PDB file of N, CA and C in Angstrom:
ATOM      1  N   VAL A   1     -50.434  96.429  10.719  1.00  0.00           N
ATOM      2  CA  VAL A   1     -50.087  96.105  12.080  1.00  0.00           C
ATOM      3  C   VAL A   1     -49.845  97.365  12.898  1.00  0.00           C
ATOM      4  N   TYR A   2     -49.259  98.365  12.296  1.00  0.00           N
ATOM      5  CA  TYR A   2     -48.989  99.595  13.038  1.00  0.00           C
ATOM      6  C   TYR A   2     -49.487 100.773  12.232  1.00  0.00           C
ATOM      7  N   LYS A   3     -50.153 101.692  12.889  1.00  0.00           N
ATOM      8  CA  LYS A   3     -50.660 102.876  12.200  1.00  0.00           C
ATOM      9  C   LYS A   3     -49.960 104.122  12.682  1.00  0.00           C
ATOM     10  N   ARG A   4     -49.466 104.077  13.897  1.00  0.00           N
ATOM     11  CA  ARG A   4     -48.789 105.226  14.467  1.00  0.00           C
ATOM     12  C   ARG A   4     -47.450 104.804  15.031  1.00  0.00           C
ATOM     13  N   GLN A   5     -46.583 105.752  15.155  1.00  0.00           N
ATOM     14  CA  GLN A   5     -45.238 105.489  15.662  1.00  0.00           C
ATOM     15  C   GLN A   5     -45.266 104.798  17.026  1.00  0.00           C
ATOM     16  N   ARG A   6     -46.212 105.159  17.871  1.00  0.00           N
ATOM     17  CA  ARG A   6     -46.214 104.608  19.228  1.00  0.00           C
ATOM     18  C   ARG A   6     -46.529 103.117  19.260  1.00  0.00           C
ATOM     19  N   HIS A   7     -47.044 102.581  18.202  1.00  0.00           N
ATOM     20  CA  HIS A   7     -47.370 101.159  18.170  1.00  0.00           C
ATOM     21  C   HIS A   7     -46.213 100.300  17.665  1.00  0.00           C
ATOM     22  N   LEU A   8     -45.151 100.908  17.197  1.00  0.00           N
ATOM     23  CA  LEU A   8     -44.018 100.147  16.683  1.00  0.00           C
ATOM     24  C   LEU A   8     -43.406  99.279  17.771  1.00  0.00           C
ATOM     25  N   ARG A   9     -43.173  99.860  18.924  1.00  0.00           N
ATOM     26  CA  ARG A   9     -42.568  99.102  20.018  1.00  0.00           C
ATOM     27  C   ARG A   9     -43.467  97.930  20.434  1.00  0.00           C
ATOM     28  N   ALA A  10     -44.755  98.159  20.504  1.00  0.00           N
ATOM     29  CA  ALA A  10     -45.681  97.095  20.891  1.00  0.00           C
ATOM     30  C   ALA A  10     -45.678  95.965  19.864  1.00  0.00           C
ATOM     31  N   ALA A  11     -45.683  96.321  18.599  1.00  0.00           N
ATOM     32  CA  ALA A  11     -45.650  95.301  17.544  1.00  0.00           C
ATOM     33  C   ALA A  11     -44.365  94.488  17.623  1.00  0.00           C
ATOM     34  N   GLY A  12     -43.248  95.166  17.849  1.00  0.00           N
ATOM     35  CA  GLY A  12     -41.963  94.473  17.962  1.00  0.00           C
ATOM     36  C   GLY A  12     -41.898  93.568  19.174  1.00  0.00           C
ATOM     37  N   ALA A  13     -42.415  94.040  20.291  1.00  0.00           N
ATOM     38  CA  ALA A  13     -42.424  93.234  21.511  1.00  0.00           C
ATOM     39  C   ALA A  13     -43.269  91.979  21.318  1.00  0.00           C
ATOM     40  N   LEU A  14     -44.421  92.150  20.686  1.00  0.00           N
ATOM     41  CA  LEU A  14     -45.302  91.015  20.434  1.00  0.00           C
ATOM     42  C   LEU A  14     -44.628  89.976  19.538  1.00  0.00           C
ATOM     43  N   CYS A  15     -43.969  90.430  18.495  1.00  0.00           N
ATOM     44  CA  CYS A  15     -43.243  89.502  17.617  1.00  0.00           C
ATOM     45  C   CYS A  15     -42.180  88.741  18.407  1.00  0.00           C
ATOM     46  N   GLY A  16     -41.482  89.445  19.289  1.00  0.00           N
ATOM     47  CA  GLY A  16     -40.463  88.791  20.106  1.00  0.00           C
ATOM     48  C   GLY A  16     -41.044  87.684  20.969  1.00  0.00           C
ATOM     49  N   VAL A  17     -42.204  87.929  21.544  1.00  0.00           N
ATOM     50  CA  VAL A  17     -42.869  86.915  22.366  1.00  0.00           C
ATOM     51  C   VAL A  17     -43.251  85.712  21.516  1.00  0.00           C
ATOM     52  N   VAL A  18     -43.760  85.961  20.333  1.00  0.00           N
ATOM     53  CA  VAL A  18     -44.169  84.869  19.433  1.00  0.00           C
ATOM     54  C   VAL A  18     -42.954  84.027  19.037  1.00  0.00           C
ATOM     55  N   ILE A  19     -41.854  84.678  18.659  1.00  0.00           N
ATOM     56  CA  ILE A  19     -40.642  83.939  18.275  1.00  0.00           C
ATOM     57  C   ILE A  19     -40.126  83.120  19.453  1.00  0.00           C
ATOM     58  N   GLU A  20     -40.046  83.750  20.624  1.00  0.00           N
ATOM     59  CA  GLU A  20     -39.518  83.072  21.804  1.00  0.00           C
ATOM     60  C   GLU A  20     -40.362  81.848  22.160  1.00  0.00           C
ATOM     61  N   LYS A  21     -41.658  82.008  22.135  1.00  0.00           N
ATOM     62  CA  LYS A  21     -42.550  80.889  22.462  1.00  0.00           C
ATOM     63  C   LYS A  21     -42.406  79.760  21.438  1.00  0.00           C
ATOM     64  N   HIS A  22     -42.310  80.116  20.170  1.00  0.00           N
ATOM     65  CA  HIS A  22     -42.153  79.096  19.127  1.00  0.00           C
ATOM     66  C   HIS A  22     -40.838  78.340  19.297  1.00  0.00           C
ATOM     67  N   LEU A  23     -39.749  79.064  19.533  1.00  0.00           N
ATOM     68  CA  LEU A  23     -38.444  78.414  19.699  1.00  0.00           C
ATOM     69  C   LEU A  23     -38.427  77.525  20.938  1.00  0.00           C
ATOM     70  N   ALA A  24     -39.087  77.955  22.008  1.00  0.00           N
ATOM     71  CA  ALA A  24     -39.187  77.128  23.214  1.00  0.00           C
ATOM     72  C   ALA A  24     -39.920  75.827  22.891  1.00  0.00           C
ATOM     73  N   HIS A  25     -40.978  75.931  22.103  1.00  0.00           N
ATOM     74  CA  HIS A  25     -41.751  74.748  21.706  1.00  0.00           C
ATOM     75  C   HIS A  25     -40.896  73.808  20.849  1.00  0.00           C
ATOM     76  N   VAL A  26     -40.140  74.371  19.912  1.00  0.00           N
ATOM     77  CA  VAL A  26     -39.270  73.547  19.056  1.00  0.00           C
ATOM     78  C   VAL A  26     -38.245  72.813  19.916  1.00  0.00           C
ATOM     79  N   CYS A  27     -37.635  73.520  20.846  1.00  0.00           N
ATOM     80  CA  CYS A  27     -36.656  72.878  21.736  1.00  0.00           C
ATOM     81  C   CYS A  27     -37.317  71.754  22.532  1.00  0.00           C
ATOM     82  N   GLU A  28     -38.493  72.008  23.048  1.00  0.00           N
ATOM     83  CA  GLU A  28     -39.217  71.000  23.820  1.00  0.00           C
ATOM     84  C   GLU A  28     -39.536  69.775  22.966  1.00  0.00           C
ATOM     85  N   MET A  29     -39.976  70.010  21.734  1.00  0.00           N
ATOM     86  CA  MET A  29     -40.332  68.899  20.840  1.00  0.00           C
ATOM     87  C   MET A  29     -39.121  68.029  20.499  1.00  0.00           C
ATOM     88  N   HIS A  30     -37.931  68.624  20.522  1.00  0.00           N
ATOM     89  CA  HIS A  30     -36.712  67.876  20.228  1.00  0.00           C
ATOM     90  C   HIS A  30     -36.013  67.397  21.493  1.00  0.00           C
ATOM     91  N   GLY A  31     -36.633  67.612  22.646  1.00  0.00           N
ATOM     92  CA  GLY A  31     -36.072  67.146  23.907  1.00  0.00           C
ATOM     93  C   GLY A  31     -34.831  67.906  24.351  1.00  0.00           C
ATOM     94  N   LEU A  32     -34.703  69.154  23.905  1.00  0.00           N
ATOM     95  CA  LEU A  32     -33.545  69.965  24.268  1.00  0.00           C
ATOM     96  C   LEU A  32     -33.852  70.761  25.531  1.00  0.00           C
ATOM     97  N   LYS A  33     -32.974  70.651  26.506  1.00  0.00           N
ATOM     98  CA  LYS A  33     -33.162  71.332  27.787  1.00  0.00           C
ATOM     99  C   LYS A  33     -32.261  72.551  27.868  1.00  0.00           C
ATOM    100  N   ILE A  34     -32.819  73.635  28.375  1.00  0.00           N
ATOM    101  CA  ILE A  34     -32.050  74.859  28.598  1.00  0.00           C
ATOM    102  C   ILE A  34     -31.963  75.058  30.104  1.00  0.00           C
ATOM    103  N   LYS A  35     -30.753  75.306  30.575  1.00  0.00           N
ATOM    104  CA  LYS A  35     -30.530  75.386  32.015  1.00  0.00           C
ATOM    105  C   LYS A  35     -30.970  76.705  32.635  1.00  0.00           C
ATOM    106  N   LYS A  36     -31.032  77.767  31.843  1.00  0.00           N
ATOM    107  CA  LYS A  36     -31.428  79.068  32.374  1.00  0.00           C
ATOM    108  C   LYS A  36     -32.888  79.068  32.794  1.00  0.00           C
ATOM    109  N   LYS A  37     -33.168  79.805  33.855  1.00  0.00           N
ATOM    110  CA  LYS A  37     -34.544  79.895  34.351  1.00  0.00           C
ATOM    111  C   LYS A  37     -35.438  80.649  33.374  1.00  0.00           C
ATOM    112  N   CYS A  38     -34.933  81.744  32.808  1.00  0.00           N
ATOM    113  CA  CYS A  38     -35.689  82.553  31.850  1.00  0.00           C
ATOM    114  C   CYS A  38     -34.880  82.710  30.564  1.00  0.00           C
ATOM    115  N   PRO A  39     -34.877  81.700  29.706  1.00  0.00           N
ATOM    116  CA  PRO A  39     -34.074  81.783  28.476  1.00  0.00           C
ATOM    117  C   PRO A  39     -34.606  82.827  27.501  1.00  0.00           C
ATOM    118  N   SER A  40     -33.704  83.337  26.693  1.00  0.00           N
ATOM    119  CA  SER A  40     -34.042  84.342  25.684  1.00  0.00           C
ATOM    120  C   SER A  40     -33.999  83.704  24.299  1.00  0.00           C
ATOM    121  N   ILE A  41     -34.356  84.485  23.308  1.00  0.00           N
ATOM    122  CA  ILE A  41     -34.268  84.014  21.928  1.00  0.00           C
ATOM    123  C   ILE A  41     -32.850  83.534  21.632  1.00  0.00           C
ATOM    124  N   SER A  42     -31.864  84.280  22.075  1.00  0.00           N
ATOM    125  CA  SER A  42     -30.463  83.907  21.838  1.00  0.00           C
ATOM    126  C   SER A  42     -30.137  82.538  22.430  1.00  0.00           C
ATOM    127  N   ASP A  43     -30.640  82.255  23.611  1.00  0.00           N
ATOM    128  CA  ASP A  43     -30.397  80.950  24.238  1.00  0.00           C
ATOM    129  C   ASP A  43     -31.018  79.827  23.411  1.00  0.00           C
ATOM    130  N   TYR A  44     -32.230  80.053  22.956  1.00  0.00           N
ATOM    131  CA  TYR A  44     -32.908  79.028  22.161  1.00  0.00           C
ATOM    132  C   TYR A  44     -32.201  78.771  20.834  1.00  0.00           C
ATOM    133  N   ILE A  45     -31.832  79.840  20.142  1.00  0.00           N
ATOM    134  CA  ILE A  45     -31.206  79.602  18.828  1.00  0.00           C
ATOM    135  C   ILE A  45     -29.809  79.008  18.969  1.00  0.00           C
ATOM    136  N   GLU A  46     -29.142  79.302  20.070  1.00  0.00           N
ATOM    137  CA  GLU A  46     -27.821  78.705  20.300  1.00  0.00           C
ATOM    138  C   GLU A  46     -27.934  77.192  20.436  1.00  0.00           C
ATOM    139  N   ILE A  47     -28.880  76.734  21.230  1.00  0.00           N
ATOM    140  CA  ILE A  47     -29.042  75.289  21.418  1.00  0.00           C
ATOM    141  C   ILE A  47     -29.549  74.621  20.140  1.00  0.00           C
ATOM    142  N   LEU A  48     -30.404  75.313  19.398  1.00  0.00           N
ATOM    143  CA  LEU A  48     -30.879  74.752  18.129  1.00  0.00           C
ATOM    144  C   LEU A  48     -29.744  74.645  17.116  1.00  0.00           C
ATOM    145  N   LYS A  49     -28.884  75.651  17.069  1.00  0.00           N
ATOM    146  CA  LYS A  49     -27.729  75.620  16.159  1.00  0.00           C
ATOM    147  C   LYS A  49     -26.751  74.520  16.566  1.00  0.00           C
ATOM    148  N   ASN A  50     -26.482  74.419  17.859  1.00  0.00           N
ATOM    149  CA  ASN A  50     -25.537  73.413  18.350  1.00  0.00           C
ATOM    150  C   ASN A  50     -26.033  71.992  18.111  1.00  0.00           C
ATOM    151  N   ASN A  51     -27.331  71.830  17.948  1.00  0.00           N
ATOM    152  CA  ASN A  51     -27.909  70.514  17.670  1.00  0.00           C
ATOM    153  C   ASN A  51     -28.304  70.351  16.207  1.00  0.00           C
ATOM    154  N   ASN A  52     -27.757  71.231  15.357  1.00  0.00           N
ATOM    155  CA  ASN A  52     -27.947  71.156  13.908  1.00  0.00           C
ATOM    156  C   ASN A  52     -29.413  71.220  13.472  1.00  0.00           C
ATOM    157  N   LEU A  53     -30.226  71.939  14.224  1.00  0.00           N
ATOM    158  CA  LEU A  53     -31.617  72.116  13.842  1.00  0.00           C
ATOM    159  C   LEU A  53     -31.834  73.413  13.073  1.00  0.00           C
ATOM    160  N   ILE A  54     -30.895  74.346  13.193  1.00  0.00           N
ATOM    161  CA  ILE A  54     -30.859  75.527  12.329  1.00  0.00           C
ATOM    162  C   ILE A  54     -29.410  75.726  11.898  1.00  0.00           C
ATOM    163  N   ASP A  55     -29.235  76.283  10.715  1.00  0.00           N
ATOM    164  CA  ASP A  55     -27.887  76.526  10.223  1.00  0.00           C
ATOM    165  C   ASP A  55     -27.444  77.951  10.591  1.00  0.00           C
ATOM    166  N   THR A  56     -26.202  78.253  10.278  1.00  0.00           N
ATOM    167  CA  THR A  56     -25.644  79.554  10.651  1.00  0.00           C
ATOM    168  C   THR A  56     -26.391  80.725  10.033  1.00  0.00           C
ATOM    169  N   PRO A  57     -26.742  80.697   8.745  1.00  0.00           N
ATOM    170  CA  PRO A  57     -27.508  81.829   8.201  1.00  0.00           C
ATOM    171  C   PRO A  57     -28.841  82.053   8.918  1.00  0.00           C
ATOM    172  N   ASN A  58     -29.563  80.987   9.248  1.00  0.00           N
ATOM    173  CA  ASN A  58     -30.822  81.137   9.983  1.00  0.00           C
ATOM    174  C   ASN A  58     -30.570  81.640  11.398  1.00  0.00           C
ATOM    175  N   TRP A  59     -29.508  81.150  12.027  1.00  0.00           N
ATOM    176  CA  TRP A  59     -29.135  81.611  13.363  1.00  0.00           C
ATOM    177  C   TRP A  59     -28.895  83.122  13.339  1.00  0.00           C
ATOM    178  N   ARG A  60     -28.145  83.585  12.333  1.00  0.00           N
ATOM    179  CA  ARG A  60     -27.862  85.014  12.209  1.00  0.00           C
ATOM    180  C   ARG A  60     -29.133  85.827  11.969  1.00  0.00           C
ATOM    181  N   GLN A  61     -30.007  85.328  11.119  1.00  0.00           N
ATOM    182  CA  GLN A  61     -31.252  86.033  10.821  1.00  0.00           C
ATOM    183  C   GLN A  61     -32.125  86.167  12.070  1.00  0.00           C
ATOM    184  N   ILE A  62     -32.241  85.090  12.830  1.00  0.00           N
ATOM    185  CA  ILE A  62     -33.060  85.141  14.042  1.00  0.00           C
ATOM    186  C   ILE A  62     -32.400  86.047  15.087  1.00  0.00           C
ATOM    187  N   GLN A  63     -31.081  86.029  15.148  1.00  0.00           N
ATOM    188  CA  GLN A  63     -30.384  86.933  16.075  1.00  0.00           C
ATOM    189  C   GLN A  63     -30.660  88.386  15.694  1.00  0.00           C
ATOM    190  N   TYR A  64     -30.679  88.678  14.404  1.00  0.00           N
ATOM    191  CA  TYR A  64     -31.006  90.024  13.924  1.00  0.00           C
ATOM    192  C   TYR A  64     -32.423  90.404  14.349  1.00  0.00           C
ATOM    193  N   LEU A  65     -33.370  89.484  14.202  1.00  0.00           N
ATOM    194  CA  LEU A  65     -34.741  89.747  14.627  1.00  0.00           C
ATOM    195  C   LEU A  65     -34.795  90.013  16.129  1.00  0.00           C
ATOM    196  N   SER A  66     -34.000  89.278  16.872  1.00  0.00           N
ATOM    197  CA  SER A  66     -33.932  89.485  18.313  1.00  0.00           C
ATOM    198  C   SER A  66     -33.371  90.866  18.649  1.00  0.00           C
ATOM    199  N   ASP A  67     -32.403  91.316  17.871  1.00  0.00           N
ATOM    200  CA  ASP A  67     -31.843  92.655  18.082  1.00  0.00           C
ATOM    201  C   ASP A  67     -32.905  93.739  17.858  1.00  0.00           C
ATOM    202  N   ILE A  68     -33.721  93.563  16.829  1.00  0.00           N
ATOM    203  CA  ILE A  68     -34.806  94.523  16.586  1.00  0.00           C
ATOM    204  C   ILE A  68     -35.802  94.483  17.744  1.00  0.00           C
ATOM    205  N   ARG A  69     -36.139  93.279  18.175  1.00  0.00           N
ATOM    206  CA  ARG A  69     -37.046  93.141  19.325  1.00  0.00           C
ATOM    207  C   ARG A  69     -36.488  93.870  20.538  1.00  0.00           C
ATOM    208  N   ASN A  70     -35.180  93.768  20.759  1.00  0.00           N
ATOM    209  CA  ASN A  70     -34.558  94.435  21.904  1.00  0.00           C
ATOM    210  C   ASN A  70     -34.657  95.956  21.795  1.00  0.00           C
ATOM    211  N   LEU A  71     -34.598  96.480  20.569  1.00  0.00           N
ATOM    212  CA  LEU A  71     -34.817  97.921  20.392  1.00  0.00           C
ATOM    213  C   LEU A  71     -36.218  98.323  20.867  1.00  0.00           C
ATOM    214  N   CYS A  72     -37.152  97.407  20.702  1.00  0.00           N
ATOM    215  CA  CYS A  72     -38.545  97.683  21.062  1.00  0.00           C
ATOM    216  C   CYS A  72     -38.794  97.572  22.562  1.00  0.00           C
ATOM    217  N   THR A  73     -38.114  96.646  23.204  1.00  0.00           N
ATOM    218  CA  THR A  73     -38.446  96.349  24.597  1.00  0.00           C
ATOM    219  C   THR A  73     -37.517  96.997  25.611  1.00  0.00           C
ATOM    220  N   HIS A  74     -36.419  97.554  25.165  1.00  0.00           N
ATOM    221  CA  HIS A  74     -35.478  98.218  26.061  1.00  0.00           C
ATOM    222  C   HIS A  74     -35.208  99.622  25.546  1.00  0.00           C
ATOM    223  N   LYS A  75     -35.033 100.536  26.436  1.00  0.00           N
ATOM    224  CA  LYS A  75     -34.706 101.902  26.023  1.00  0.00           C
ATOM    225  C   LYS A  75     -33.275 101.912  25.518  1.00  0.00           C
ATOM    226  N   LYS A  76     -33.132 102.100  24.239  1.00  0.00           N
ATOM    227  CA  LYS A  76     -31.823 102.111  23.591  1.00  0.00           C
ATOM    228  C   LYS A  76     -31.517 103.515  23.108  1.00  0.00           C
ATOM    229  N   GLU A  77     -30.419 103.630  22.395  1.00  0.00           N
ATOM    230  CA  GLU A  77     -29.995 104.934  21.890  1.00  0.00           C
ATOM    231  C   GLU A  77     -30.936 105.481  20.818  1.00  0.00           C
ATOM    232  N   ARG A  78     -31.777 104.614  20.263  1.00  0.00           N
ATOM    233  CA  ARG A  78     -32.727 105.066  19.238  1.00  0.00           C
ATOM    234  C   ARG A  78     -33.969 104.191  19.268  1.00  0.00           C
ATOM    235  N   ASP A  79     -35.005 104.706  18.638  1.00  0.00           N
ATOM    236  CA  ASP A  79     -36.248 103.953  18.516  1.00  0.00           C
ATOM    237  C   ASP A  79     -36.187 103.070  17.275  1.00  0.00           C
ATOM    238  N   PRO A  80     -36.965 101.986  17.277  1.00  0.00           N
ATOM    239  CA  PRO A  80     -37.010 101.150  16.071  1.00  0.00           C
ATOM    240  C   PRO A  80     -37.663 101.911  14.921  1.00  0.00           C
ATOM    241  N   LYS A  81     -37.209 101.602  13.724  1.00  0.00           N
ATOM    242  CA  LYS A  81     -37.777 102.231  12.532  1.00  0.00           C
ATOM    243  C   LYS A  81     -38.928 101.379  12.007  1.00  0.00           C
ATOM    244  N   LYS A  82     -39.826 102.034  11.290  1.00  0.00           N
ATOM    245  CA  LYS A  82     -40.973 101.347  10.710  1.00  0.00           C
ATOM    246  C   LYS A  82     -40.525 100.162   9.844  1.00  0.00           C
ATOM    247  N   GLU A  83     -39.478 100.363   9.064  1.00  0.00           N
ATOM    248  CA  GLU A  83     -38.975  99.304   8.177  1.00  0.00           C
ATOM    249  C   GLU A  83     -38.437  98.114   8.985  1.00  0.00           C
ATOM    250  N   GLU A  84     -37.799  98.405  10.114  1.00  0.00           N
ATOM    251  CA  GLU A  84     -37.281  97.321  10.955  1.00  0.00           C
ATOM    252  C   GLU A  84     -38.420  96.501  11.544  1.00  0.00           C
ATOM    253  N   ILE A  85     -39.478  97.178  11.947  1.00  0.00           N
ATOM    254  CA  ILE A  85     -40.620  96.460  12.499  1.00  0.00           C
ATOM    255  C   ILE A  85     -41.255  95.585  11.420  1.00  0.00           C
ATOM    256  N   GLN A  86     -41.327  96.086  10.196  1.00  0.00           N
ATOM    257  CA  GLN A  86     -41.868  95.267   9.116  1.00  0.00           C
ATOM    258  C   GLN A  86     -40.976  94.050   8.872  1.00  0.00           C
ATOM    259  N   GLU A  87     -39.648  94.230   8.932  1.00  0.00           N
ATOM    260  CA  GLU A  87     -38.725  93.096   8.805  1.00  0.00           C
ATOM    261  C   GLU A  87     -38.959  92.091   9.929  1.00  0.00           C
ATOM    262  N   LEU A  88     -39.184  92.591  11.138  1.00  0.00           N
ATOM    263  CA  LEU A  88     -39.430  91.720  12.281  1.00  0.00           C
ATOM    264  C   LEU A  88     -40.734  90.947  12.108  1.00  0.00           C
ATOM    265  N   ILE A  89     -41.757  91.596  11.632  1.00  0.00           N
ATOM    266  CA  ILE A  89     -43.041  90.924  11.386  1.00  0.00           C
ATOM    267  C   ILE A  89     -42.872  89.844  10.318  1.00  0.00           C
ATOM    268  N   ASP A  90     -42.237  90.206   9.210  1.00  0.00           N
ATOM    269  CA  ASP A  90     -42.019  89.242   8.131  1.00  0.00           C
ATOM    270  C   ASP A  90     -41.117  88.097   8.603  1.00  0.00           C
ATOM    271  N   GLY A  91     -40.090  88.435   9.371  1.00  0.00           N
ATOM    272  CA  GLY A  91     -39.176  87.420   9.892  1.00  0.00           C
ATOM    273  C   GLY A  91     -39.863  86.478  10.865  1.00  0.00           C
ATOM    274  N   THR A  92     -40.788  87.001  11.646  1.00  0.00           N
ATOM    275  CA  THR A  92     -41.542  86.161  12.575  1.00  0.00           C
ATOM    276  C   THR A  92     -42.346  85.121  11.802  1.00  0.00           C
ATOM    277  N   HIS A  93     -42.992  85.558  10.736  1.00  0.00           N
ATOM    278  CA  HIS A  93     -43.735  84.618   9.886  1.00  0.00           C
ATOM    279  C   HIS A  93     -42.802  83.534   9.343  1.00  0.00           C
ATOM    280  N   LYS A  94     -41.622  83.934   8.902  1.00  0.00           N
ATOM    281  CA  LYS A  94     -40.661  82.981   8.340  1.00  0.00           C
ATOM    282  C   LYS A  94     -40.200  81.975   9.395  1.00  0.00           C
ATOM    283  N   VAL A  95     -39.892  82.442  10.594  1.00  0.00           N
ATOM    284  CA  VAL A  95     -39.454  81.549  11.661  1.00  0.00           C
ATOM    285  C   VAL A  95     -40.537  80.518  11.961  1.00  0.00           C
ATOM    286  N   LEU A  96     -41.768  80.964  12.036  1.00  0.00           N
ATOM    287  CA  LEU A  96     -42.867  80.035  12.343  1.00  0.00           C
ATOM    288  C   LEU A  96     -43.037  78.986  11.253  1.00  0.00           C
ATOM    289  N   LYS A  97     -42.741  79.337  10.022  1.00  0.00           N
ATOM    290  CA  LYS A  97     -42.928  78.423   8.898  1.00  0.00           C
ATOM    291  C   LYS A  97     -41.721  77.516   8.655  1.00  0.00           C
ATOM    292  N   THR A  98     -40.526  77.934   9.076  1.00  0.00           N
ATOM    293  CA  THR A  98     -39.333  77.181   8.673  1.00  0.00           C
ATOM    294  C   THR A  98     -38.545  76.540   9.808  1.00  0.00           C
ATOM    295  N   VAL A  99     -38.788  76.945  11.038  1.00  0.00           N
ATOM    296  CA  VAL A  99     -38.052  76.339  12.160  1.00  0.00           C
ATOM    297  C   VAL A  99     -39.009  75.415  12.902  1.00  0.00           C
ATOM    298  N   PHE A 100     -38.710  74.114  12.824  1.00  0.00           N
ATOM    299  CA  PHE A 100     -39.573  73.147  13.479  1.00  0.00           C
ATOM    300  C   PHE A 100     -38.802  71.910  13.853  1.00  0.00           C
TER     301      PHE A 100
END
């Protein structure tokens, strides 16, 4: 997925978009409405957790993935590490397979 350091942020941002879109779809399929105009991953997982569609460990894992995504999309105190991006990629696959 990434061959050079400069592609890490792009890979992370893309994973974030995929997770966000999937969670929005899951919420829609369960008839869950979010009041925010532009909800984030955190908003989606909060409503899914509150409706018992994901448990606390999964909520924490997805929040962690969101934190890595934020390192990629916002200028933070440090750049994302290659290992974190791989965790984000693997975690994205897991979210798509297990949250529905």
